[in-house]
Amino acid sequence: MMCGAQGFVQIAEWICAQPRSKLRLLGNYRDSFPDESTVRKALGKVEMRAFHSQLYDWLSGSSNSKAIAVDGKTLKASRDKNGRQIHVLSAITHGDAQPLGDRQVDHKISEIDEIRPLLDSIDIRGKIVTVDALHSTKDFAAWLKGKEADYVFPMKGNRKKLIDRLDMLNIKENSYSKASTQDRGHGREDKRTLYLMKELPFWLNFPTAEQAFIIERESIIKKSGKVRHDHVYGLTSLKDADARMLLQLNRGHWTIENKMFYVRDVTFNEDRSGVRSGSLPHLMITLRNVIMGIFRKKGRFQIANTIRWDRRLIGVS
């Protein structure tokens, strides 16, 4: 897979293209080559929990990042035994984008039920966890604090009563810290400004929160000149963070979209993978994540370029 193989047929073809001396280094002492069905059957027997533990534990020591982003992705081409698409929750560090773990979400439950077991498999003590609005709940916040971790939570439409209370705070007028950023890309120019407020009242009814913020965004569409305004509220357990740090953490959460999900889709062609059933799609996700982690651990951050280089260097030599 480091050389660009995206499924078991391509993996078997890669094996058959290697000299026997190289295969002996990889543990194959037989005269015959394992074919596609052998590779598939062998990987289908892998015990996933131990597989995750060994691979991610090995990777986790290579990151100095204090922030962890967690989000889920559905594999469009996959199907479980009931014909449903497989959904996997993943965790990655901000900044250096080191994968830390993943967990398949059972169709009978939701991400909310699986995020705690996922984070239980990671050392989050002293870390800052960022999530999407689905997980921005009092119970999860209390659980994180019990694990000696902090959080930055966005609040959206699924927390209407809380948003109404945050609106009553007049955060922008009562802020003590403010920070802005400007970004250009995708045919538009975005300006984001975060206003931060501390000393939250008891009636906010979010006991672990130390500060509240609002992020205002102004987007200008370059082609039409049209201007769009929107905003999002948020809460954090961080006592000493200023507006600049929180704006950085809010933007850093997108690491999981840009440096994990996007790479898996575009470089590894995940959504069109022919590996579709049983535990194998989840196993392939783990392998893709770990391969990204290995490359970045070695300072090779252009994943597609690295795969092309590996294909030339060790593909058939």
Protein backbone atom coordinates (compact mmCIF):
# COMPACT_ATOMS: atom_id res chain seq x y z
CA MET A 1 0.00 0.00 0.00
CA MET A 2 3.00 2.33 0.55
CA CYS A 3 3.69 1.81 -3.16
CA GLY A 4 0.14 2.72 -4.21
CA ALA A 5 -1.76 -0.59 -4.02
CA GLN A 6 -5.39 0.20 -3.16
CA GLY A 7 -6.91 -3.29 -2.88
CA PHE A 8 -6.06 -6.95 -2.49
CA VAL A 9 -5.64 -7.61 -6.22
CA GLN A 10 -3.04 -4.84 -6.48
CA ILE A 11 -1.35 -6.02 -3.28
CA ALA A 12 -1.07 -9.55 -4.73
CA GLU A 13 0.28 -8.16 -8.02
CA TRP A 14 2.92 -6.20 -6.09
CA ILE A 15 3.95 -9.37 -4.23
CA CYS A 16 4.30 -11.33 -7.47
CA ALA A 17 6.49 -8.58 -8.94
CA GLN A 18 9.06 -8.79 -6.12
CA PRO A 19 12.24 -10.91 -6.19
CA ARG A 20 12.28 -13.83 -3.76
CA SER A 21 15.15 -12.23 -1.83
CA LYS A 22 12.95 -9.28 -0.93
CA LEU A 23 9.98 -11.49 0.01
CA ARG A 24 12.23 -13.47 2.35
CA LEU A 25 13.01 -10.20 4.15
CA LEU A 26 9.23 -9.73 4.52
CA GLY A 27 8.78 -13.22 6.00
CA ASN A 28 7.81 -15.33 2.98
CA TYR A 29 10.13 -18.37 2.86
CA ARG A 30 7.90 -20.45 0.53
CA ASP A 31 8.60 -20.98 -3.13
CA SER A 32 5.05 -19.94 -4.01
CA PHE A 33 3.53 -16.45 -3.97
CA PRO A 34 0.39 -15.71 -1.89
CA ASP A 35 -2.42 -14.70 -4.22
CA GLU A 36 -5.27 -12.21 -3.76
CA SER A 37 -7.56 -14.66 -1.93
CA THR A 38 -4.79 -15.67 0.49
CA VAL A 39 -4.06 -12.03 1.36
CA ARG A 40 -7.79 -11.34 1.83
CA LYS A 41 -8.38 -14.41 4.01
CA ALA A 42 -5.31 -13.75 6.16
CA LEU A 43 -6.24 -10.13 6.83
CA GLY A 44 -9.85 -11.17 7.48
CA LYS A 45 -8.63 -13.23 10.44
CA VAL A 46 -6.77 -10.33 12.07
CA GLU A 47 -7.96 -9.50 15.61
CA MET A 48 -8.78 -5.82 15.16
CA ARG A 49 -8.37 -4.65 18.75
CA ALA A 50 -4.83 -6.01 19.05
CA PHE A 51 -4.04 -4.80 15.52
CA HIS A 52 -5.08 -1.23 16.44
CA SER A 53 -3.31 -1.30 19.77
CA GLN A 54 0.06 -2.32 18.36
CA LEU A 55 0.06 -0.03 15.34
CA TYR A 56 -1.27 3.13 16.99
CA ASP A 57 0.76 2.67 20.19
CA TRP A 58 3.85 2.53 18.02
CA LEU A 59 2.90 5.75 16.19
CA SER A 60 1.66 7.76 19.18
CA GLY A 61 5.09 8.53 20.64
CA SER A 62 6.14 10.59 17.62
CA SER A 63 3.89 13.64 18.16
CA ASN A 64 4.38 16.62 20.46
CA SER A 65 0.99 18.16 19.65
CA LYS A 66 -1.23 19.07 22.60
CA ALA A 67 -4.48 19.05 20.60
CA ILE A 68 -6.48 16.10 19.24
CA ALA A 69 -9.27 16.29 16.65
CA VAL A 70 -11.97 13.59 16.55
CA ASP A 71 -14.53 13.11 13.76
CA GLY A 72 -16.27 10.36 11.80
CA LYS A 73 -16.45 9.37 8.12
CA THR A 74 -18.72 6.98 6.24
CA LEU A 75 -17.20 4.64 3.64
CA LYS A 76 -19.49 5.11 0.67
CA ALA A 77 -18.68 1.85 -1.13
CA SER A 78 -18.64 -0.35 1.99
CA ARG A 79 -21.38 -2.61 3.33
CA ASP A 80 -21.70 -4.54 6.57
CA LYS A 81 -23.52 -7.88 6.84
CA ASN A 82 -26.83 -6.00 6.99
CA GLY A 83 -26.11 -4.01 3.84
CA ARG A 84 -25.41 -0.73 5.70
CA GLN A 85 -22.50 1.58 4.99
CA ILE A 86 -19.64 1.39 7.48
CA HIS A 87 -18.93 4.48 9.61
CA VAL A 88 -15.58 4.90 11.38
CA LEU A 89 -14.60 7.45 14.03
CA SER A 90 -10.96 8.62 13.89
CA ALA A 91 -8.59 10.73 15.99
CA ILE A 92 -5.60 12.77 14.78
CA THR A 93 -3.26 15.37 16.26
CA HIS A 94 -3.49 19.01 15.18
CA GLY A 95 -0.56 20.40 13.26
CA ASP A 96 1.67 17.39 12.58
CA ALA A 97 -1.39 15.23 11.70
CA GLN A 98 -0.38 12.00 13.41
CA PRO A 99 -3.24 9.44 13.46
CA LEU A 100 -3.94 8.20 16.99
CA GLY A 101 -6.76 5.69 16.63
CA ASP A 102 -10.03 4.73 14.99
CA ARG A 103 -13.19 2.86 15.94
CA GLN A 104 -16.05 1.47 13.87
CA VAL A 105 -19.48 2.78 14.86
CA ASP A 106 -22.13 0.08 15.18
CA HIS A 107 -25.26 0.89 13.18
CA LYS A 108 -27.41 0.43 16.30
CA ILE A 109 -25.68 3.30 18.11
CA SER A 110 -24.11 6.64 17.18
CA GLU A 111 -20.74 8.39 17.32
CA ILE A 112 -21.74 9.70 20.76
CA ASP A 113 -21.53 6.19 22.20
CA GLU A 114 -18.21 5.34 20.54
CA ILE A 115 -16.13 8.47 21.14
CA ARG A 116 -15.36 7.58 24.77
CA PRO A 117 -14.08 4.05 23.99
CA LEU A 118 -11.96 5.56 21.20
CA LEU A 119 -10.41 8.17 23.50
CA ASP A 120 -9.97 5.54 26.23
CA SER A 121 -7.48 3.87 23.88
CA ILE A 122 -5.44 7.12 23.67
CA ASP A 123 -3.51 8.93 26.39
CA ILE A 124 -5.46 12.21 26.47
CA ARG A 125 -4.28 13.43 29.88
CA GLY A 126 -3.14 17.04 29.52
CA LYS A 127 -4.45 17.19 25.92
CA ILE A 128 -7.07 19.45 24.31
CA VAL A 129 -9.83 17.60 22.46
CA THR A 130 -11.72 19.27 19.60
CA VAL A 131 -14.92 17.77 18.16
CA ASP A 132 -17.88 18.77 16.03
CA ALA A 133 -21.15 20.05 17.50
CA LEU A 134 -22.63 16.53 17.82
CA HIS A 135 -20.35 15.82 20.79
CA SER A 136 -20.64 19.22 22.49
CA THR A 137 -22.53 18.01 25.56
CA LYS A 138 -22.25 18.54 29.31
CA ASP A 139 -21.79 14.83 29.97
CA PHE A 140 -18.95 14.45 27.51
CA ALA A 141 -17.31 17.64 28.83
CA ALA A 142 -17.45 16.24 32.39
CA TRP A 143 -16.01 12.92 31.17
CA LEU A 144 -13.07 14.71 29.52
CA LYS A 145 -12.33 16.71 32.66
CA GLY A 146 -12.43 13.45 34.63
CA LYS A 147 -9.69 12.20 32.29
CA GLU A 148 -7.66 15.39 33.00
CA ALA A 149 -8.22 16.62 29.43
CA ASP A 150 -9.59 19.94 28.16
CA TYR A 151 -11.95 20.69 25.31
CA VAL A 152 -13.00 23.27 22.73
CA PHE A 153 -16.66 22.75 21.76
CA PRO A 154 -18.59 24.46 18.95
CA MET A 155 -22.33 24.98 19.52
CA LYS A 156 -24.77 24.73 16.62
CA GLY A 157 -28.46 24.14 15.97
CA ASN A 158 -28.63 20.88 17.93
CA ARG A 159 -28.04 22.89 21.16
CA LYS A 160 -30.72 25.54 20.67
CA LYS A 161 -31.43 26.28 24.36
CA LEU A 162 -27.74 26.61 25.12
CA ILE A 163 -27.23 28.86 22.09
CA ASP A 164 -30.06 31.08 23.33
CA ARG A 165 -28.28 31.40 26.69
CA LEU A 166 -24.97 32.14 24.98
CA ASP A 167 -26.72 34.80 22.92
CA MET A 168 -27.88 36.45 26.15
CA LEU A 169 -24.25 36.84 27.28
CA ASN A 170 -23.50 39.46 24.58
CA ILE A 171 -20.04 37.92 24.21
CA LYS A 172 -18.85 40.40 21.59
CA GLU A 173 -19.64 43.42 23.79
CA ASN A 174 -18.30 41.76 26.98
CA SER A 175 -15.17 40.18 25.49
CA TYR A 176 -11.74 40.74 27.00
CA SER A 177 -9.74 39.17 24.13
CA LYS A 178 -10.11 39.31 20.35
CA ALA A 179 -8.23 37.77 17.42
CA SER A 180 -8.68 37.64 13.63
CA THR A 181 -7.37 35.64 10.69
CA GLN A 182 -7.74 35.99 6.91
CA ASP A 183 -7.62 33.09 4.45
CA ARG A 184 -7.88 32.85 0.69
CA GLY A 185 -8.86 29.77 -1.28
CA HIS A 186 -11.66 27.93 -3.09
CA GLY A 187 -12.61 31.14 -4.88
CA ARG A 188 -13.31 33.18 -1.77
CA GLU A 189 -11.69 35.26 0.95
CA ASP A 190 -12.62 34.51 4.55
CA LYS A 191 -12.08 36.71 7.57
CA ARG A 192 -12.69 35.11 10.96
CA THR A 193 -12.82 37.04 14.22
CA LEU A 194 -13.09 35.38 17.64
CA TYR A 195 -14.35 37.25 20.71
CA LEU A 196 -13.68 35.63 24.10
CA MET A 197 -15.47 36.07 27.43
CA LYS A 198 -14.71 34.66 30.90
CA GLU A 199 -16.52 34.66 34.29
CA LEU A 200 -19.54 32.79 33.00
CA PRO A 201 -22.80 32.96 34.97
CA PHE A 202 -24.26 29.89 36.73
CA TRP A 203 -27.42 30.00 34.62
CA LEU A 204 -25.44 29.06 31.54
CA ASN A 205 -25.69 25.55 33.03
CA PHE A 206 -22.45 24.15 31.62
CA PRO A 207 -20.40 23.51 34.78
CA THR A 208 -17.01 22.61 33.27
CA ALA A 209 -16.86 25.61 30.90
CA GLU A 210 -14.42 28.36 31.85
CA GLN A 211 -14.82 30.64 28.83
CA ALA A 212 -17.32 31.30 26.05
CA PHE A 213 -16.59 32.61 22.56
CA ILE A 214 -18.20 33.63 19.32
CA ILE A 215 -16.53 33.34 15.91
CA GLU A 216 -17.82 35.70 13.24
CA ARG A 217 -16.97 34.93 9.62
CA GLU A 218 -17.16 37.24 6.62
CA SER A 219 -16.83 35.47 3.27
CA ILE A 220 -16.34 37.32 -0.01
CA ILE A 221 -16.94 35.35 -3.22
CA LYS A 222 -14.25 36.65 -5.59
CA LYS A 223 -16.08 36.03 -8.82
CA SER A 224 -19.38 37.70 -7.87
CA GLY A 225 -18.25 39.97 -5.04
CA LYS A 226 -21.09 38.61 -2.91
CA VAL A 227 -20.54 38.89 0.85
CA ARG A 228 -21.83 36.32 3.33
CA HIS A 229 -21.86 36.60 7.13
CA ASP A 230 -22.28 33.83 9.68
CA HIS A 231 -21.21 33.02 13.23
CA VAL A 232 -20.80 30.12 15.63
CA TYR A 233 -20.74 30.02 19.43
CA GLY A 234 -18.41 27.88 21.51
CA LEU A 235 -17.31 26.87 25.00
CA THR A 236 -13.97 25.76 26.39
CA SER A 237 -12.63 24.39 29.65
CA LEU A 238 -9.32 26.22 29.12
CA LYS A 239 -8.89 28.92 31.76
CA ASP A 240 -5.83 30.69 30.40
CA ALA A 241 -6.33 30.43 26.64
CA ASP A 242 -6.63 33.75 24.80
CA ALA A 243 -8.62 34.46 21.64
CA ARG A 244 -5.68 33.80 19.33
CA MET A 245 -5.08 30.35 20.79
CA LEU A 246 -8.76 29.39 20.57
CA LEU A 247 -9.01 30.59 16.98
CA GLN A 248 -5.96 28.47 16.19
CA LEU A 249 -7.52 25.43 17.89
CA ASN A 250 -10.79 25.97 16.03
CA ARG A 251 -8.97 26.06 12.69
CA GLY A 252 -6.73 23.17 13.75
CA HIS A 253 -9.73 20.88 14.08
CA TRP A 254 -9.94 20.85 10.28
CA THR A 255 -6.69 18.86 10.23
CA ILE A 256 -8.82 15.73 10.35
CA GLU A 257 -10.71 16.74 7.20
CA ASN A 258 -7.77 18.12 5.23
CA LYS A 259 -4.97 15.75 6.24
CA MET A 260 -6.83 12.52 6.93
CA PHE A 261 -10.22 12.20 5.22
CA TYR A 262 -9.20 14.16 2.11
CA VAL A 263 -5.97 12.16 1.70
CA ARG A 264 -7.78 8.86 2.16
CA ASP A 265 -10.36 9.85 -0.47
CA VAL A 266 -8.10 11.45 -3.08
CA THR A 267 -4.76 9.66 -2.67
CA PHE A 268 -5.97 6.23 -1.50
CA ASN A 269 -9.28 6.37 -3.44
CA GLU A 270 -11.09 5.14 -0.33
CA ASP A 271 -14.68 5.84 -1.35
CA ARG A 272 -14.30 3.66 -4.47
CA SER A 273 -12.38 0.87 -2.79
CA GLY A 274 -13.30 -2.66 -3.82
CA VAL A 275 -12.74 -3.82 -0.21
CA ARG A 276 -16.34 -3.58 0.95
CA SER A 277 -17.43 -6.20 3.48
CA GLY A 278 -16.82 -7.63 6.93
CA SER A 279 -14.00 -6.19 9.05
CA LEU A 280 -11.78 -5.59 6.01
CA PRO A 281 -12.88 -2.00 5.16
CA HIS A 282 -12.12 -0.97 8.75
CA LEU A 283 -8.77 -2.74 8.62
CA MET A 284 -7.89 -0.92 5.40
CA ILE A 285 -8.75 2.42 7.05
CA THR A 286 -6.33 1.59 9.85
CA LEU A 287 -3.61 0.74 7.34
CA ARG A 288 -4.17 3.98 5.40
CA ASN A 289 -4.03 6.01 8.63
CA VAL A 290 -0.87 4.26 9.79
CA ILE A 291 0.83 4.69 6.41
CA MET A 292 0.14 8.45 6.59
CA GLY A 293 1.56 8.44 10.13
CA ILE A 294 4.71 6.57 9.06
CA PHE A 295 5.38 8.97 6.19
CA ARG A 296 4.87 12.04 8.39
CA LYS A 297 6.99 10.49 11.13
CA LYS A 298 9.81 10.42 8.57
CA GLY A 299 9.17 14.04 7.56
CA ARG A 300 7.50 13.12 4.27
CA PHE A 301 4.34 15.23 4.31
CA GLN A 302 3.39 15.08 0.60
CA ILE A 303 1.65 11.70 0.75
CA ALA A 304 0.84 11.32 -2.97
CA ASN A 305 4.40 12.29 -3.98
CA THR A 306 5.84 9.88 -1.42
CA ILE A 307 3.76 6.99 -2.76
CA ARG A 308 4.90 7.75 -6.32
CA TRP A 309 8.50 7.87 -5.13
CA ASP A 310 8.14 4.56 -3.28
CA ARG A 311 6.61 2.98 -6.37
CA ARG A 312 9.64 4.00 -8.43
CA LEU A 313 12.19 3.19 -5.74
CA ILE A 314 10.98 -0.14 -4.33
CA GLY A 315 7.97 -1.07 -6.45
CA VAL A 316 9.64 -3.80 -8.49
CA SER A 317 13.36 -3.47 -7.73
